[in-house]
Amino acid sequence: MQHTQHIGCIFDLDGVLVDTAVYHYKAWKQLANSLGFDFTQLQNEQLKGVNRIRSLEMILNWGVFKNLWNKKKSWPILKIPGT
C-alpha cells in the first residue's frame, strides 16, 4: 500500500486562530515612537476592524496633531498693541 504524505499550511491573517492584537499594538507603538510621538492603548482600540492602510493614516494624523500641539505650547505669546 502506498502512503501519500499531505502537507498543508494555515494562514491566520485576521487574528481568528491566534490573537495578534498585542503584536500589532507593539509595532504601531514602535513606529509612532520612532516618529516622535506616543501611541496609546486607547488609540489602538480605535483601530479594531480598520485595515492597515487606514490604521496608518489614523496613527500619522494623531501624531501630526500631537506634534503641532506640543510645538504650539512652546510658541511665545505675543501681545498685539491695541488688543
C-alpha atoms as a PDB file:
ATOM      1  CA  MET A   1       0.000   0.000   0.000  1.00  0.00           C
ATOM      2  CA  GLN A   2       1.330   3.403  -0.973  1.00  0.00           C
ATOM      3  CA  HIS A   3       1.096   6.231   1.578  1.00  0.00           C
ATOM      4  CA  THR A   4       0.515   9.765   0.431  1.00  0.00           C
ATOM      5  CA  GLN A   5       2.014  12.475   2.600  1.00  0.00           C
ATOM      6  CA  HIS A   6      -0.122  15.573   2.916  1.00  0.00           C
ATOM      7  CA  ILE A   7       1.468  18.891   3.724  1.00  0.00           C
ATOM      8  CA  GLY A   8      -0.524  21.995   4.456  1.00  0.00           C
ATOM      9  CA  CYS A   9      -0.239  25.489   5.834  1.00  0.00           C
ATOM     10  CA  ILE A  10      -2.770  27.549   7.699  1.00  0.00           C
ATOM     11  CA  PHE A  11      -2.606  31.300   7.346  1.00  0.00           C
ATOM     12  CA  ASP A  12      -4.289  33.370  10.027  1.00  0.00           C
ATOM     13  CA  LEU A  13      -4.366  36.869   8.588  1.00  0.00           C
ATOM     14  CA  ASP A  14      -7.181  38.288  10.688  1.00  0.00           C
ATOM     15  CA  GLY A  15      -6.424  37.002  14.181  1.00  0.00           C
ATOM     16  CA  VAL A  16      -9.104  34.315  14.312  1.00  0.00           C
ATOM     17  CA  LEU A  17      -6.783  31.448  15.244  1.00  0.00           C
ATOM     18  CA  VAL A  18      -4.118  33.432  17.075  1.00  0.00           C
ATOM     19  CA  ASP A  19      -4.636  36.745  18.844  1.00  0.00           C
ATOM     20  CA  THR A  20      -2.087  39.049  17.230  1.00  0.00           C
ATOM     21  CA  ALA A  21      -3.531  42.323  18.548  1.00  0.00           C
ATOM     22  CA  VAL A  22      -0.747  42.783  21.087  1.00  0.00           C
ATOM     23  CA  TYR A  23       1.878  42.462  18.341  1.00  0.00           C
ATOM     24  CA  HIS A  24       0.074  44.968  16.141  1.00  0.00           C
ATOM     25  CA  TYR A  25      -0.058  47.386  19.076  1.00  0.00           C
ATOM     26  CA  LYS A  26       3.659  46.978  19.792  1.00  0.00           C
ATOM     27  CA  ALA A  27       4.532  47.532  16.124  1.00  0.00           C
ATOM     28  CA  TRP A  28       2.324  50.623  15.787  1.00  0.00           C
ATOM     29  CA  LYS A  29       3.713  51.998  19.071  1.00  0.00           C
ATOM     30  CA  GLN A  30       7.287  51.436  17.900  1.00  0.00           C
ATOM     31  CA  LEU A  31       6.524  53.265  14.646  1.00  0.00           C
ATOM     32  CA  ALA A  32       4.902  56.198  16.462  1.00  0.00           C
ATOM     33  CA  ASN A  33       7.773  56.457  18.952  1.00  0.00           C
ATOM     34  CA  SER A  34      10.300  56.443  16.112  1.00  0.00           C
ATOM     35  CA  LEU A  35       8.408  59.391  14.600  1.00  0.00           C
ATOM     36  CA  GLY A  36       8.492  61.297  17.880  1.00  0.00           C
ATOM     37  CA  PHE A  37       5.061  60.731  19.410  1.00  0.00           C
ATOM     38  CA  ASP A  38       3.305  58.202  21.621  1.00  0.00           C
ATOM     39  CA  PHE A  39       0.604  55.722  20.649  1.00  0.00           C
ATOM     40  CA  THR A  40      -1.755  54.639  23.419  1.00  0.00           C
ATOM     41  CA  GLN A  41      -3.759  51.503  24.022  1.00  0.00           C
ATOM     42  CA  LEU A  42      -6.917  53.634  23.821  1.00  0.00           C
ATOM     43  CA  GLN A  43      -5.943  54.739  20.314  1.00  0.00           C
ATOM     44  CA  ASN A  44      -5.134  51.130  19.457  1.00  0.00           C
ATOM     45  CA  GLU A  45      -8.683  50.137  20.430  1.00  0.00           C
ATOM     46  CA  GLN A  46      -9.974  52.572  17.793  1.00  0.00           C
ATOM     47  CA  LEU A  47      -8.122  50.594  15.123  1.00  0.00           C
ATOM     48  CA  LYS A  48     -10.087  47.373  15.651  1.00  0.00           C
ATOM     49  CA  GLY A  49     -11.695  46.366  12.369  1.00  0.00           C
ATOM     50  CA  VAL A  50      -9.748  49.019  10.432  1.00  0.00           C
ATOM     51  CA  ASN A  51      -7.471  47.931   7.582  1.00  0.00           C
ATOM     52  CA  ARG A  52      -3.741  48.535   7.871  1.00  0.00           C
ATOM     53  CA  ILE A  53      -3.534  51.451   5.429  1.00  0.00           C
ATOM     54  CA  ARG A  54      -6.343  53.340   7.170  1.00  0.00           C
ATOM     55  CA  SER A  55      -4.776  52.470  10.549  1.00  0.00           C
ATOM     56  CA  LEU A  56      -1.502  54.017   9.416  1.00  0.00           C
ATOM     57  CA  GLU A  57      -3.320  57.145   8.240  1.00  0.00           C
ATOM     58  CA  MET A  58      -5.095  57.470  11.599  1.00  0.00           C
ATOM     59  CA  ILE A  59      -1.883  56.996  13.583  1.00  0.00           C
ATOM     60  CA  LEU A  60       0.000  59.529  11.482  1.00  0.00           C
ATOM     61  CA  ASN A  61      -2.853  62.033  11.898  1.00  0.00           C
ATOM     62  CA  TRP A  62      -2.785  61.585  15.685  1.00  0.00           C
ATOM     63  CA  GLY A  63       0.966  62.139  15.619  1.00  0.00           C
ATOM     64  CA  VAL A  64       0.782  65.275  13.490  1.00  0.00           C
ATOM     65  CA  PHE A  65      -1.790  66.853  15.789  1.00  0.00           C
ATOM     66  CA  LYS A  66       0.184  65.892  18.911  1.00  0.00           C
ATOM     67  CA  ASN A  67       3.403  67.272  17.475  1.00  0.00           C
ATOM     68  CA  LEU A  68       1.694  70.514  16.412  1.00  0.00           C
ATOM     69  CA  TRP A  69       0.059  70.905  19.825  1.00  0.00           C
ATOM     70  CA  ASN A  70       3.357  70.343  21.634  1.00  0.00           C
ATOM     71  CA  LYS A  71       5.088  72.883  19.388  1.00  0.00           C
ATOM     72  CA  LYS A  72       2.230  75.367  19.853  1.00  0.00           C
ATOM     73  CA  LYS A  73       2.583  75.151  23.635  1.00  0.00           C
ATOM     74  CA  SER A  74       6.169  76.352  23.297  1.00  0.00           C
ATOM     75  CA  TRP A  75       5.349  79.277  20.964  1.00  0.00           C
ATOM     76  CA  PRO A  76       5.881  82.661  22.578  1.00  0.00           C
ATOM     77  CA  ILE A  77       2.746  84.621  23.370  1.00  0.00           C
ATOM     78  CA  LEU A  78       2.772  87.891  21.518  1.00  0.00           C
ATOM     79  CA  LYS A  79       0.876  90.894  22.788  1.00  0.00           C
ATOM     80  CA  ILE A  80      -0.556  92.813  19.873  1.00  0.00           C
ATOM     81  CA  PRO A  81      -0.857  96.538  20.633  1.00  0.00           C
ATOM     82  CA  GLY A  82      -4.448  97.708  20.822  1.00  0.00           C
ATOM     83  CA  THR A  83      -5.932  94.317  21.669  1.00  0.00           C
END
